[in-house]
Amino acid sequence: MVFSPTRLLQEPAPLLWLERQSWHPWLVVGLVSIGAFVGQLDATIVQLALPALGRAFDVSLQQVSWVALSYLLAFASFLPIFGRLCEIHGRKTLYIAGYALFIAASALCALAETFGQLVAFRFLQGMGGALLGANS
């Protein structure tokens, strides 16, 4: 098998119907903007909820800070890795995977029953945010 850099950079083609629409470029810009916004917003907005989360899970403020830290740790750790993977394998598929992971992890955070689950799900959410950030 011969190594071909152009083969690695090929992405799935857009849907023909969608590509023919005059608003297609604006849809792409809008989705990328929303992805960049929610990834960054989620990194900071949980700060407001930390006291309520501490009371809900009956943990100290030092412990509840891991809800925010786990997201930021995952985001910062995986951002350069995902950035490189996107350069190698293309952005489209990984961006969609980032959206899916971010949404699924957000739902899991809402359903978390224990503090440990919440911290783990926030870490997953940070991974999804890193995929969004690497492509935005």
C-alpha atoms as a PDB file:
ATOM      1  CA  MET A   1       0.000   0.000   0.000  1.00  0.00           C
ATOM      2  CA  VAL A   2       1.395   3.378  -1.012  1.00  0.00           C
ATOM      3  CA  PHE A   3       1.203   6.281   1.426  1.00  0.00           C
ATOM      4  CA  SER A   4      -0.786   9.152   0.004  1.00  0.00           C
ATOM      5  CA  PRO A   5      -1.197  12.358   2.060  1.00  0.00           C
ATOM      6  CA  THR A   6      -4.098  13.487  -0.134  1.00  0.00           C
ATOM      7  CA  ARG A   7      -6.002  10.298   0.686  1.00  0.00           C
ATOM      8  CA  LEU A   8      -5.701  11.024   4.395  1.00  0.00           C
ATOM      9  CA  LEU A   9      -7.131  14.508   3.986  1.00  0.00           C
ATOM     10  CA  GLN A  10     -10.228  13.423   2.086  1.00  0.00           C
ATOM     11  CA  GLU A  11     -13.468  13.994   3.923  1.00  0.00           C
ATOM     12  CA  PRO A  12     -16.943  12.704   3.173  1.00  0.00           C
ATOM     13  CA  ALA A  13     -18.654  14.782   0.516  1.00  0.00           C
ATOM     14  CA  PRO A  14     -21.578  16.963   1.604  1.00  0.00           C
ATOM     15  CA  LEU A  15     -25.070  15.880   0.690  1.00  0.00           C
ATOM     16  CA  LEU A  16     -25.732  17.014  -2.877  1.00  0.00           C
ATOM     17  CA  TRP A  17     -29.142  18.406  -2.027  1.00  0.00           C
ATOM     18  CA  LEU A  18     -27.718  20.428   0.826  1.00  0.00           C
ATOM     19  CA  GLU A  19     -24.743  21.645  -1.157  1.00  0.00           C
ATOM     20  CA  ARG A  20     -27.052  23.055  -3.863  1.00  0.00           C
ATOM     21  CA  GLN A  21     -28.863  25.293  -1.376  1.00  0.00           C
ATOM     22  CA  SER A  22     -27.802  28.935  -1.383  1.00  0.00           C
ATOM     23  CA  TRP A  23     -27.754  28.999   2.431  1.00  0.00           C
ATOM     24  CA  HIS A  24     -25.447  25.963   2.755  1.00  0.00           C
ATOM     25  CA  PRO A  25     -22.296  28.007   3.588  1.00  0.00           C
ATOM     26  CA  TRP A  26     -24.218  29.931   6.251  1.00  0.00           C
ATOM     27  CA  LEU A  27     -25.417  26.672   7.803  1.00  0.00           C
ATOM     28  CA  VAL A  28     -21.810  25.514   8.103  1.00  0.00           C
ATOM     29  CA  VAL A  29     -20.703  28.841   9.588  1.00  0.00           C
ATOM     30  CA  GLY A  30     -23.625  28.797  12.028  1.00  0.00           C
ATOM     31  CA  LEU A  31     -22.983  25.245  13.229  1.00  0.00           C
ATOM     32  CA  VAL A  32     -19.266  25.851  13.680  1.00  0.00           C
ATOM     33  CA  SER A  33     -19.966  29.076  15.568  1.00  0.00           C
ATOM     34  CA  ILE A  34     -22.457  27.361  17.861  1.00  0.00           C
ATOM     35  CA  GLY A  35     -19.992  24.537  18.501  1.00  0.00           C
ATOM     36  CA  ALA A  36     -17.205  26.955  19.387  1.00  0.00           C
ATOM     37  CA  PHE A  37     -19.544  28.931  21.629  1.00  0.00           C
ATOM     38  CA  VAL A  38     -21.003  26.023  23.632  1.00  0.00           C
ATOM     39  CA  GLY A  39     -17.595  24.435  24.161  1.00  0.00           C
ATOM     40  CA  GLN A  40     -16.217  27.604  25.711  1.00  0.00           C
ATOM     41  CA  LEU A  41     -19.426  28.556  27.510  1.00  0.00           C
ATOM     42  CA  ASP A  42     -19.671  25.190  29.207  1.00  0.00           C
ATOM     43  CA  ALA A  43     -16.129  25.518  30.494  1.00  0.00           C
ATOM     44  CA  THR A  44     -17.103  28.558  32.565  1.00  0.00           C
ATOM     45  CA  ILE A  45     -20.839  28.520  33.206  1.00  0.00           C
ATOM     46  CA  VAL A  46     -20.714  25.645  35.687  1.00  0.00           C
ATOM     47  CA  GLN A  47     -18.853  27.950  38.090  1.00  0.00           C
ATOM     48  CA  LEU A  48     -22.190  29.518  38.983  1.00  0.00           C
ATOM     49  CA  ALA A  49     -23.689  26.165  39.922  1.00  0.00           C
ATOM     50  CA  LEU A  50     -20.844  24.868  42.111  1.00  0.00           C
ATOM     51  CA  PRO A  51     -22.409  25.862  45.469  1.00  0.00           C
ATOM     52  CA  ALA A  52     -25.736  24.259  44.495  1.00  0.00           C
ATOM     53  CA  LEU A  53     -23.957  21.125  43.274  1.00  0.00           C
ATOM     54  CA  GLY A  54     -22.046  20.924  46.562  1.00  0.00           C
ATOM     55  CA  ARG A  55     -25.307  20.988  48.488  1.00  0.00           C
ATOM     56  CA  ALA A  56     -27.034  18.524  46.129  1.00  0.00           C
ATOM     57  CA  PHE A  57     -24.232  15.953  46.341  1.00  0.00           C
ATOM     58  CA  ASP A  58     -23.272  16.811  49.935  1.00  0.00           C
ATOM     59  CA  VAL A  59     -19.609  17.483  49.126  1.00  0.00           C
ATOM     60  CA  SER A  60     -17.251  20.282  50.107  1.00  0.00           C
ATOM     61  CA  LEU A  61     -16.430  23.223  47.872  1.00  0.00           C
ATOM     62  CA  GLN A  62     -12.938  21.795  47.331  1.00  0.00           C
ATOM     63  CA  GLN A  63     -14.418  18.523  46.096  1.00  0.00           C
ATOM     64  CA  VAL A  64     -17.108  20.133  43.960  1.00  0.00           C
ATOM     65  CA  SER A  65     -14.468  22.186  42.152  1.00  0.00           C
ATOM     66  CA  TRP A  66     -13.549  18.947  40.360  1.00  0.00           C
ATOM     67  CA  VAL A  67     -16.753  19.310  38.348  1.00  0.00           C
ATOM     68  CA  ALA A  68     -15.214  22.336  36.638  1.00  0.00           C
ATOM     69  CA  LEU A  69     -11.644  21.059  36.727  1.00  0.00           C
ATOM     70  CA  SER A  70     -12.446  17.724  35.082  1.00  0.00           C
ATOM     71  CA  TYR A  71     -13.924  19.513  32.057  1.00  0.00           C
ATOM     72  CA  LEU A  72     -10.961  21.887  31.767  1.00  0.00           C
ATOM     73  CA  LEU A  73      -8.448  19.075  32.256  1.00  0.00           C
ATOM     74  CA  ALA A  74      -9.980  17.008  29.460  1.00  0.00           C
ATOM     75  CA  PHE A  75     -10.382  20.035  27.174  1.00  0.00           C
ATOM     76  CA  ALA A  76      -6.782  21.195  27.592  1.00  0.00           C
ATOM     77  CA  SER A  77      -5.321  17.687  27.406  1.00  0.00           C
ATOM     78  CA  PHE A  78      -7.142  16.530  24.296  1.00  0.00           C
ATOM     79  CA  LEU A  79      -7.239  19.782  22.286  1.00  0.00           C
ATOM     80  CA  PRO A  80      -3.764  19.407  20.718  1.00  0.00           C
ATOM     81  CA  ILE A  81      -4.264  15.681  20.152  1.00  0.00           C
ATOM     82  CA  PHE A  82      -7.603  16.179  18.428  1.00  0.00           C
ATOM     83  CA  GLY A  83      -6.212  19.112  16.454  1.00  0.00           C
ATOM     84  CA  ARG A  84      -3.525  16.873  15.000  1.00  0.00           C
ATOM     85  CA  LEU A  85      -5.973  14.034  14.336  1.00  0.00           C
ATOM     86  CA  CYS A  86      -8.202  16.467  12.452  1.00  0.00           C
ATOM     87  CA  GLU A  87      -5.270  17.518  10.286  1.00  0.00           C
ATOM     88  CA  ILE A  88      -4.532  13.894   9.484  1.00  0.00           C
ATOM     89  CA  HIS A  89      -8.030  12.455   9.040  1.00  0.00           C
ATOM     90  CA  GLY A  90     -10.124  15.478   8.112  1.00  0.00           C
ATOM     91  CA  ARG A  91     -12.324  17.745  10.175  1.00  0.00           C
ATOM     92  CA  LYS A  92     -15.883  16.953   9.184  1.00  0.00           C
ATOM     93  CA  THR A  93     -16.301  13.499  10.707  1.00  0.00           C
ATOM     94  CA  LEU A  94     -14.427  14.369  13.890  1.00  0.00           C
ATOM     95  CA  TYR A  95     -16.432  17.586  14.292  1.00  0.00           C
ATOM     96  CA  ILE A  96     -19.693  15.672  14.063  1.00  0.00           C
ATOM     97  CA  ALA A  97     -18.321  13.107  16.524  1.00  0.00           C
ATOM     98  CA  GLY A  98     -17.425  15.978  18.870  1.00  0.00           C
ATOM     99  CA  TYR A  99     -20.966  17.331  18.707  1.00  0.00           C
ATOM    100  CA  ALA A 100     -22.379  13.864  19.397  1.00  0.00           C
ATOM    101  CA  LEU A 101     -20.025  13.245  22.330  1.00  0.00           C
ATOM    102  CA  PHE A 102     -20.694  16.697  23.788  1.00  0.00           C
ATOM    103  CA  ILE A 103     -24.480  16.264  23.597  1.00  0.00           C
ATOM    104  CA  ALA A 104     -24.393  12.696  24.972  1.00  0.00           C
ATOM    105  CA  ALA A 105     -22.104  13.716  27.844  1.00  0.00           C
ATOM    106  CA  SER A 106     -24.354  16.704  28.613  1.00  0.00           C
ATOM    107  CA  ALA A 107     -27.328  14.367  28.911  1.00  0.00           C
ATOM    108  CA  LEU A 108     -25.309  12.021  31.122  1.00  0.00           C
ATOM    109  CA  CYS A 109     -24.330  14.957  33.360  1.00  0.00           C
ATOM    110  CA  ALA A 110     -28.003  15.779  33.777  1.00  0.00           C
ATOM    111  CA  LEU A 111     -28.727  12.155  34.724  1.00  0.00           C
ATOM    112  CA  ALA A 112     -25.760  11.715  37.088  1.00  0.00           C
ATOM    113  CA  GLU A 113     -26.836  10.217  40.407  1.00  0.00           C
ATOM    114  CA  THR A 114     -23.500  10.388  42.221  1.00  0.00           C
ATOM    115  CA  PHE A 115     -20.769  12.974  42.442  1.00  0.00           C
ATOM    116  CA  GLY A 116     -18.238  10.588  40.890  1.00  0.00           C
ATOM    117  CA  GLN A 117     -20.500  10.054  37.893  1.00  0.00           C
ATOM    118  CA  LEU A 118     -20.867  13.794  37.416  1.00  0.00           C
ATOM    119  CA  VAL A 119     -17.101  14.325  37.446  1.00  0.00           C
ATOM    120  CA  ALA A 120     -16.571  11.466  34.957  1.00  0.00           C
ATOM    121  CA  PHE A 121     -19.313  12.721  32.644  1.00  0.00           C
ATOM    122  CA  ARG A 122     -17.885  16.244  32.769  1.00  0.00           C
ATOM    123  CA  PHE A 123     -14.550  14.763  31.673  1.00  0.00           C
ATOM    124  CA  LEU A 124     -16.302  13.168  28.677  1.00  0.00           C
ATOM    125  CA  GLN A 125     -17.998  16.473  27.995  1.00  0.00           C
ATOM    126  CA  GLY A 126     -14.573  18.143  27.998  1.00  0.00           C
ATOM    127  CA  MET A 127     -13.373  15.637  25.416  1.00  0.00           C
ATOM    128  CA  GLY A 128     -16.337  16.544  23.215  1.00  0.00           C
ATOM    129  CA  GLY A 129     -15.611  20.224  23.766  1.00  0.00           C
ATOM    130  CA  ALA A 130     -11.992  19.635  22.726  1.00  0.00           C
ATOM    131  CA  LEU A 131     -13.157  18.033  19.482  1.00  0.00           C
ATOM    132  CA  LEU A 132     -15.383  21.034  18.834  1.00  0.00           C
ATOM    133  CA  GLY A 133     -12.606  23.460  19.740  1.00  0.00           C
ATOM    134  CA  ALA A 134     -10.008  21.722  17.601  1.00  0.00           C
ATOM    135  CA  ASN A 135     -12.235  22.139  14.564  1.00  0.00           C
ATOM    136  CA  SER A 136     -13.691  25.561  15.234  1.00  0.00           C
END
